[in-house]
PDB file of N, CA and C in Angstrom:
ATOM      1  N   UNK A   1      97.673  82.596  88.756  1.00  0.00           N
ATOM      2  CA  UNK A   1      97.379  84.639  89.465  1.00  0.00           C
ATOM      3  C   UNK A   1      97.890  85.283  88.044  1.00  0.00           C
ATOM      4  N   UNK A   2      96.612  85.637  87.190  1.00  0.00           N
ATOM      5  CA  UNK A   2      96.854  86.238  85.701  1.00  0.00           C
ATOM      6  C   UNK A   2      96.961  87.731  86.319  1.00  0.00           C
ATOM      7  N   UNK A   3      97.439  88.446  85.312  1.00  0.00           N
ATOM      8  CA  UNK A   3      97.546  90.070  85.584  1.00  0.00           C
ATOM      9  C   UNK A   3      96.755  90.643  85.013  1.00  0.00           C
ATOM     10  N   UNK A   4      96.738  92.049  85.424  1.00  0.00           N
ATOM     11  CA  UNK A   4      95.080  92.406  84.416  1.00  0.00           C
ATOM     12  C   UNK A   4      95.696  93.712  85.387  1.00  0.00           C
ATOM     13  N   UNK A   5      95.740  94.312  83.650  1.00  0.00           N
ATOM     14  CA  UNK A   5      96.476  95.885  84.165  1.00  0.00           C
ATOM     15  C   UNK A   5      95.818  96.782  84.562  1.00  0.00           C
ATOM     16  N   UNK A   6      94.298  96.258  83.359  1.00  0.00           N
ATOM     17  CA  UNK A   6      92.854  97.781  84.497  1.00  0.00           C
ATOM     18  C   UNK A   6      93.151  98.392  85.359  1.00  0.00           C
ATOM     19  N   UNK A   7      93.330  97.853  86.041  1.00  0.00           N
ATOM     20  CA  UNK A   7      93.482  98.204  87.915  1.00  0.00           C
ATOM     21  C   UNK A   7      94.613  99.355  88.166  1.00  0.00           C
ATOM     22  N   UNK A   8      95.655  98.696  87.528  1.00  0.00           N
ATOM     23  CA  UNK A   8      96.533  99.906  88.014  1.00  0.00           C
ATOM     24  C   UNK A   8      97.015 100.624  86.634  1.00  0.00           C
ATOM     25  N   UNK A   9      96.067 100.666  85.810  1.00  0.00           N
ATOM     26  CA  UNK A   9      95.925 102.290  85.026  1.00  0.00           C
ATOM     27  C   UNK A   9      96.206 103.324  86.355  1.00  0.00           C
ATOM     28  N   UNK A  10      95.308 103.531  87.137  1.00  0.00           N
ATOM     29  CA  UNK A  10      95.083 104.998  88.059  1.00  0.00           C
ATOM     30  C   UNK A  10      97.248 105.404  88.390  1.00  0.00           C
ATOM     31  N   UNK A  11      97.939 104.371  88.213  1.00  0.00           N
ATOM     32  CA  UNK A  11      99.144 104.940  88.623  1.00  0.00           C
ATOM     33  C   UNK A  11     100.158 105.364  87.244  1.00  0.00           C
ATOM     34  N   UNK A  12      99.816 105.587  86.381  1.00  0.00           N
ATOM     35  CA  UNK A  12     100.148 106.159  85.317  1.00  0.00           C
ATOM     36  C   UNK A  12     100.283 107.827  85.122  1.00  0.00           C
ATOM     37  N   UNK A  13     101.425 108.179  85.113  1.00  0.00           N
ATOM     38  CA  UNK A  13     101.444 109.493  85.552  1.00  0.00           C
ATOM     39  C   UNK A  13     102.247 110.222  86.769  1.00  0.00           C
ATOM     40  N   UNK A  14     102.137 108.855  87.134  1.00  0.00           N
ATOM     41  CA  UNK A  14     102.948 109.037  89.272  1.00  0.00           C
ATOM     42  C   UNK A  14     104.102 108.511  89.641  1.00  0.00           C
ATOM     43  N   UNK A  15     104.676 109.410  89.942  1.00  0.00           N
ATOM     44  CA  UNK A  15     106.078 108.562  90.324  1.00  0.00           C
ATOM     45  C   UNK A  15     106.319 107.271  90.099  1.00  0.00           C
ATOM     46  N   UNK A  16     107.390 107.435  90.471  1.00  0.00           N
ATOM     47  CA  UNK A  16     107.761 105.057  89.597  1.00  0.00           C
ATOM     48  C   UNK A  16     108.617 104.789  90.857  1.00  0.00           C
ATOM     49  N   UNK A  17     108.171 105.372  92.082  1.00  0.00           N
ATOM     50  CA  UNK A  17     108.485 105.356  93.258  1.00  0.00           C
ATOM     51  C   UNK A  17     108.590 103.765  93.285  1.00  0.00           C
ATOM     52  N   UNK A  18     108.932 102.590  94.557  1.00  0.00           N
ATOM     53  CA  UNK A  18     108.773 101.466  94.703  1.00  0.00           C
ATOM     54  C   UNK A  18     107.775 101.482  95.451  1.00  0.00           C
ATOM     55  N   UNK A  19     107.657 101.860  96.312  1.00  0.00           N
ATOM     56  CA  UNK A  19     105.685 102.053  96.824  1.00  0.00           C
ATOM     57  C   UNK A  19     104.196 102.161  95.986  1.00  0.00           C
ATOM     58  N   UNK A  20     105.019 102.753  94.712  1.00  0.00           N
ATOM     59  CA  UNK A  20     103.581 103.081  93.675  1.00  0.00           C
ATOM     60  C   UNK A  20     103.884 101.724  92.475  1.00  0.00           C
ATOM     61  N   UNK A  21     105.391 101.164  92.452  1.00  0.00           N
ATOM     62  CA  UNK A  21     105.297  99.807  91.776  1.00  0.00           C
ATOM     63  C   UNK A  21     104.707  99.143  91.919  1.00  0.00           C
ATOM     64  N   UNK A  22     104.483  98.779  93.819  1.00  0.00           N
ATOM     65  CA  UNK A  22     104.244  97.795  94.701  1.00  0.00           C
ATOM     66  C   UNK A  22     102.836  97.677  94.787  1.00  0.00           C
ATOM     67  N   UNK A  23     102.072  99.021  95.218  1.00  0.00           N
ATOM     68  CA  UNK A  23     100.817  99.206  94.554  1.00  0.00           C
ATOM     69  C   UNK A  23      99.847  99.005  94.181  1.00  0.00           C
ATOM     70  N   UNK A  24     100.267  99.211  92.213  1.00  0.00           N
ATOM     71  CA  UNK A  24     100.676  98.501  90.837  1.00  0.00           C
ATOM     72  C   UNK A  24      99.914  97.156  90.771  1.00  0.00           C
ATOM     73  N   UNK A  25     100.972  96.537  91.175  1.00  0.00           N
ATOM     74  CA  UNK A  25     101.622  94.951  91.183  1.00  0.00           C
ATOM     75  C   UNK A  25     100.719  94.736  91.951  1.00  0.00           C
ATOM     76  N   UNK A  26      99.696  94.727  92.864  1.00  0.00           N
ATOM     77  CA  UNK A  26      99.615  94.452  93.376  1.00  0.00           C
ATOM     78  C   UNK A  26      97.754  94.295  93.490  1.00  0.00           C
ATOM     79  N   UNK A  27      97.272  95.845  92.572  1.00  0.00           N
ATOM     80  CA  UNK A  27      96.283  96.086  92.127  1.00  0.00           C
ATOM     81  C   UNK A  27      96.006  95.445  90.884  1.00  0.00           C
ATOM     82  N   UNK A  28      96.700  95.240  89.837  1.00  0.00           N
ATOM     83  CA  UNK A  28      97.186  94.020  88.705  1.00  0.00           C
ATOM     84  C   UNK A  28      96.653  92.737  89.401  1.00  0.00           C
ATOM     85  N   UNK A  29      96.739  92.212  90.438  1.00  0.00           N
ATOM     86  CA  UNK A  29      97.209  90.799  90.623  1.00  0.00           C
ATOM     87  C   UNK A  29      98.443  89.954  90.612  1.00  0.00           C
ATOM     88  N   UNK A  30      99.256  91.232  89.867  1.00  0.00           N
ATOM     89  CA  UNK A  30     100.623  90.244  89.434  1.00  0.00           C
ATOM     90  C   UNK A  30     101.132  89.357  90.220  1.00  0.00           C
ATOM     91  N   UNK A  31     101.936  88.524  89.746  1.00  0.00           N
ATOM     92  CA  UNK A  31     103.323  87.802  91.097  1.00  0.00           C
ATOM     93  C   UNK A  31     103.727  88.864  91.140  1.00  0.00           C
ATOM     94  N   UNK A  32     104.125  89.194  90.479  1.00  0.00           N
ATOM     95  CA  UNK A  32     105.954  89.799  88.898  1.00  0.00           C
ATOM     96  C   UNK A  32     105.861  90.906  89.229  1.00  0.00           C
ATOM     97  N   UNK A  33     106.704  92.133  88.956  1.00  0.00           N
ATOM     98  CA  UNK A  33     106.747  93.385  88.426  1.00  0.00           C
ATOM     99  C   UNK A  33     107.752  93.782  87.612  1.00  0.00           C
ATOM    100  N   UNK A  34     107.819  94.324  86.751  1.00  0.00           N
ATOM    101  CA  UNK A  34     109.656  94.370  86.344  1.00  0.00           C
ATOM    102  C   UNK A  34     108.987  96.466  86.132  1.00  0.00           C
ATOM    103  N   UNK A  35     110.350  97.413  86.362  1.00  0.00           N
ATOM    104  CA  UNK A  35     110.042  98.567  86.267  1.00  0.00           C
ATOM    105  C   UNK A  35     110.642  99.107  85.465  1.00  0.00           C
ATOM    106  N   UNK A  36     110.951  99.734  84.408  1.00  0.00           N
ATOM    107  CA  UNK A  36     111.694  99.689  83.018  1.00  0.00           C
ATOM    108  C   UNK A  36     112.037 101.141  82.653  1.00  0.00           C
ATOM    109  N   UNK A  37     113.106 101.311  82.708  1.00  0.00           N
ATOM    110  CA  UNK A  37     113.684 102.922  82.486  1.00  0.00           C
ATOM    111  C   UNK A  37     113.596 103.219  80.731  1.00  0.00           C
ATOM    112  N   UNK A  38     113.408 104.116  80.527  1.00  0.00           N
ATOM    113  CA  UNK A  38     113.906 104.870  78.657  1.00  0.00           C
ATOM    114  C   UNK A  38     115.113 104.242  78.371  1.00  0.00           C
ATOM    115  N   UNK A  39     115.527 103.667  77.687  1.00  0.00           N
ATOM    116  CA  UNK A  39     116.317 103.249  76.837  1.00  0.00           C
ATOM    117  C   UNK A  39     116.628 101.641  77.637  1.00  0.00           C
ATOM    118  N   UNK A  40     116.429 101.189  78.706  1.00  0.00           N
ATOM    119  CA  UNK A  40     117.030  99.652  79.678  1.00  0.00           C
ATOM    120  C   UNK A  40     116.270  98.862  78.522  1.00  0.00           C
ATOM    121  N   UNK A  41     117.189  97.488  78.310  1.00  0.00           N
ATOM    122  CA  UNK A  41     116.666  96.767  77.413  1.00  0.00           C
ATOM    123  C   UNK A  41     115.889  95.586  78.429  1.00  0.00           C
ATOM    124  N   UNK A  42     114.876  94.824  77.495  1.00  0.00           N
ATOM    125  CA  UNK A  42     113.932  93.869  78.589  1.00  0.00           C
ATOM    126  C   UNK A  42     113.826  93.055  77.552  1.00  0.00           C
ATOM    127  N   UNK A  43     113.572  91.508  78.165  1.00  0.00           N
ATOM    128  CA  UNK A  43     113.748  90.731  77.333  1.00  0.00           C
ATOM    129  C   UNK A  43     112.282  89.976  76.310  1.00  0.00           C
ATOM    130  N   UNK A  44     111.978  89.899  76.044  1.00  0.00           N
ATOM    131  CA  UNK A  44     110.525  89.149  74.854  1.00  0.00           C
ATOM    132  C   UNK A  44     109.838  89.028  75.354  1.00  0.00           C
ATOM    133  N   UNK A  45     110.028  87.928  76.196  1.00  0.00           N
ATOM    134  CA  UNK A  45     109.415  86.332  76.580  1.00  0.00           C
ATOM    135  C   UNK A  45     108.173  87.308  77.649  1.00  0.00           C
ATOM    136  N   UNK A  46     107.026  86.256  77.294  1.00  0.00           N
ATOM    137  CA  UNK A  46     105.974  86.331  77.237  1.00  0.00           C
ATOM    138  C   UNK A  46     105.568  85.896  78.878  1.00  0.00           C
ATOM    139  N   UNK A  47     105.304  86.454  79.912  1.00  0.00           N
ATOM    140  CA  UNK A  47     104.393  85.891  81.341  1.00  0.00           C
ATOM    141  C   UNK A  47     103.056  86.800  81.650  1.00  0.00           C
ATOM    142  N   UNK A  48     102.593  85.693  81.643  1.00  0.00           N
ATOM    143  CA  UNK A  48     101.092  86.248  81.886  1.00  0.00           C
ATOM    144  C   UNK A  48     100.771  87.463  83.684  1.00  0.00           C
ATOM    145  N   UNK A  49     101.703  86.609  84.598  1.00  0.00           N
ATOM    146  CA  UNK A  49     102.020  86.415  85.673  1.00  0.00           C
ATOM    147  C   UNK A  49     102.603  88.560  85.886  1.00  0.00           C
ATOM    148  N   UNK A  50     102.957  88.077  85.027  1.00  0.00           N
ATOM    149  CA  UNK A  50     104.173  89.584  85.953  1.00  0.00           C
ATOM    150  C   UNK A  50     103.659  91.017  84.782  1.00  0.00           C
ATOM    151  N   UNK A  51     103.548  92.630  85.594  1.00  0.00           N
ATOM    152  CA  UNK A  51     103.872  93.451  85.920  1.00  0.00           C
ATOM    153  C   UNK A  51     104.851  94.557  84.986  1.00  0.00           C
ATOM    154  N   UNK A  52     104.545  95.231  84.387  1.00  0.00           N
ATOM    155  CA  UNK A  52     105.921  95.783  82.741  1.00  0.00           C
ATOM    156  C   UNK A  52     105.060  97.493  83.938  1.00  0.00           C
ATOM    157  N   UNK A  53     106.071  97.966  84.103  1.00  0.00           N
ATOM    158  CA  UNK A  53     105.961  99.619  84.820  1.00  0.00           C
ATOM    159  C   UNK A  53     107.260 100.313  83.684  1.00  0.00           C
ATOM    160  N   UNK A  54     106.185 100.901  83.051  1.00  0.00           N
ATOM    161  CA  UNK A  54     107.383 101.227  81.882  1.00  0.00           C
ATOM    162  C   UNK A  54     107.770 103.258  82.333  1.00  0.00           C
ATOM    163  N   UNK A  55     108.996 103.534  82.526  1.00  0.00           N
ATOM    164  CA  UNK A  55     108.800 104.899  83.592  1.00  0.00           C
ATOM    165  C   UNK A  55     109.508 105.892  82.172  1.00  0.00           C
ATOM    166  N   UNK A  56     109.041 107.185  82.617  1.00  0.00           N
ATOM    167  CA  UNK A  56     109.259 108.424  80.985  1.00  0.00           C
ATOM    168  C   UNK A  56     110.519 108.966  81.334  1.00  0.00           C
ATOM    169  N   UNK A  57     111.205 109.917  81.207  1.00  0.00           N
ATOM    170  CA  UNK A  57     112.926 110.247  81.538  1.00  0.00           C
ATOM    171  C   UNK A  57     112.463 110.956  82.758  1.00  0.00           C
ATOM    172  N   UNK A  58     111.791 111.497  82.848  1.00  0.00           N
ATOM    173  CA  UNK A  58     111.166 112.124  84.307  1.00  0.00           C
ATOM    174  C   UNK A  58     111.486 111.498  85.583  1.00  0.00           C
ATOM    175  N   UNK A  59     111.210 110.119  85.146  1.00  0.00           N
ATOM    176  CA  UNK A  59     110.916 109.214  86.440  1.00  0.00           C
ATOM    177  C   UNK A  59     109.561 108.826  86.788  1.00  0.00           C
ATOM    178  N   UNK A  60     108.322 109.277  85.915  1.00  0.00           N
ATOM    179  CA  UNK A  60     107.446 108.419  86.169  1.00  0.00           C
ATOM    180  C   UNK A  60     106.826 107.534  85.120  1.00  0.00           C
ATOM    181  N   UNK A  61     105.463 106.908  85.807  1.00  0.00           N
ATOM    182  CA  UNK A  61     105.339 105.921  85.633  1.00  0.00           C
ATOM    183  C   UNK A  61     104.560 106.165  84.198  1.00  0.00           C
ATOM    184  N   UNK A  62     105.222 105.876  82.653  1.00  0.00           N
ATOM    185  CA  UNK A  62     104.008 106.487  81.416  1.00  0.00           C
ATOM    186  C   UNK A  62     103.824 105.225  81.304  1.00  0.00           C
ATOM    187  N   UNK A  63     103.570 103.859  81.257  1.00  0.00           N
ATOM    188  CA  UNK A  63     102.276 102.325  80.636  1.00  0.00           C
ATOM    189  C   UNK A  63     102.776 101.608  81.410  1.00  0.00           C
ATOM    190  N   UNK A  64     101.781 101.098  81.815  1.00  0.00           N
ATOM    191  CA  UNK A  64     101.584  99.901  82.258  1.00  0.00           C
ATOM    192  C   UNK A  64     101.099  98.632  81.676  1.00  0.00           C
ATOM    193  N   UNK A  65     101.608  97.539  81.384  1.00  0.00           N
ATOM    194  CA  UNK A  65     101.069  96.309  80.433  1.00  0.00           C
ATOM    195  C   UNK A  65     101.224  94.924  81.328  1.00  0.00           C
ATOM    196  N   UNK A  66     100.336  93.638  80.703  1.00  0.00           N
ATOM    197  CA  UNK A  66     100.679  92.885  81.401  1.00  0.00           C
ATOM    198  C   UNK A  66     101.721  91.590  80.608  1.00  0.00           C
ATOM    199  N   UNK A  67     102.470  90.944  80.610  1.00  0.00           N
ATOM    200  CA  UNK A  67     103.257  90.265  79.905  1.00  0.00           C
ATOM    201  C   UNK A  67     104.907  89.598  80.379  1.00  0.00           C
TER     202      UNK A  67
END
């Protein structure tokens, strides 16, 4: 199951609530999701089935990518 971040882009700017993060994961067709806050360390391993939800300091979704 490959991730496609395109359909999940509609969540950018919304609250990074558990509900929105899970909805973004489903929209992207990703198997897993990781939601990261500013300054939080992340591994650099690439996983084609993972959605990355990057938050801003206000707790909103700033960027959505796969990998």
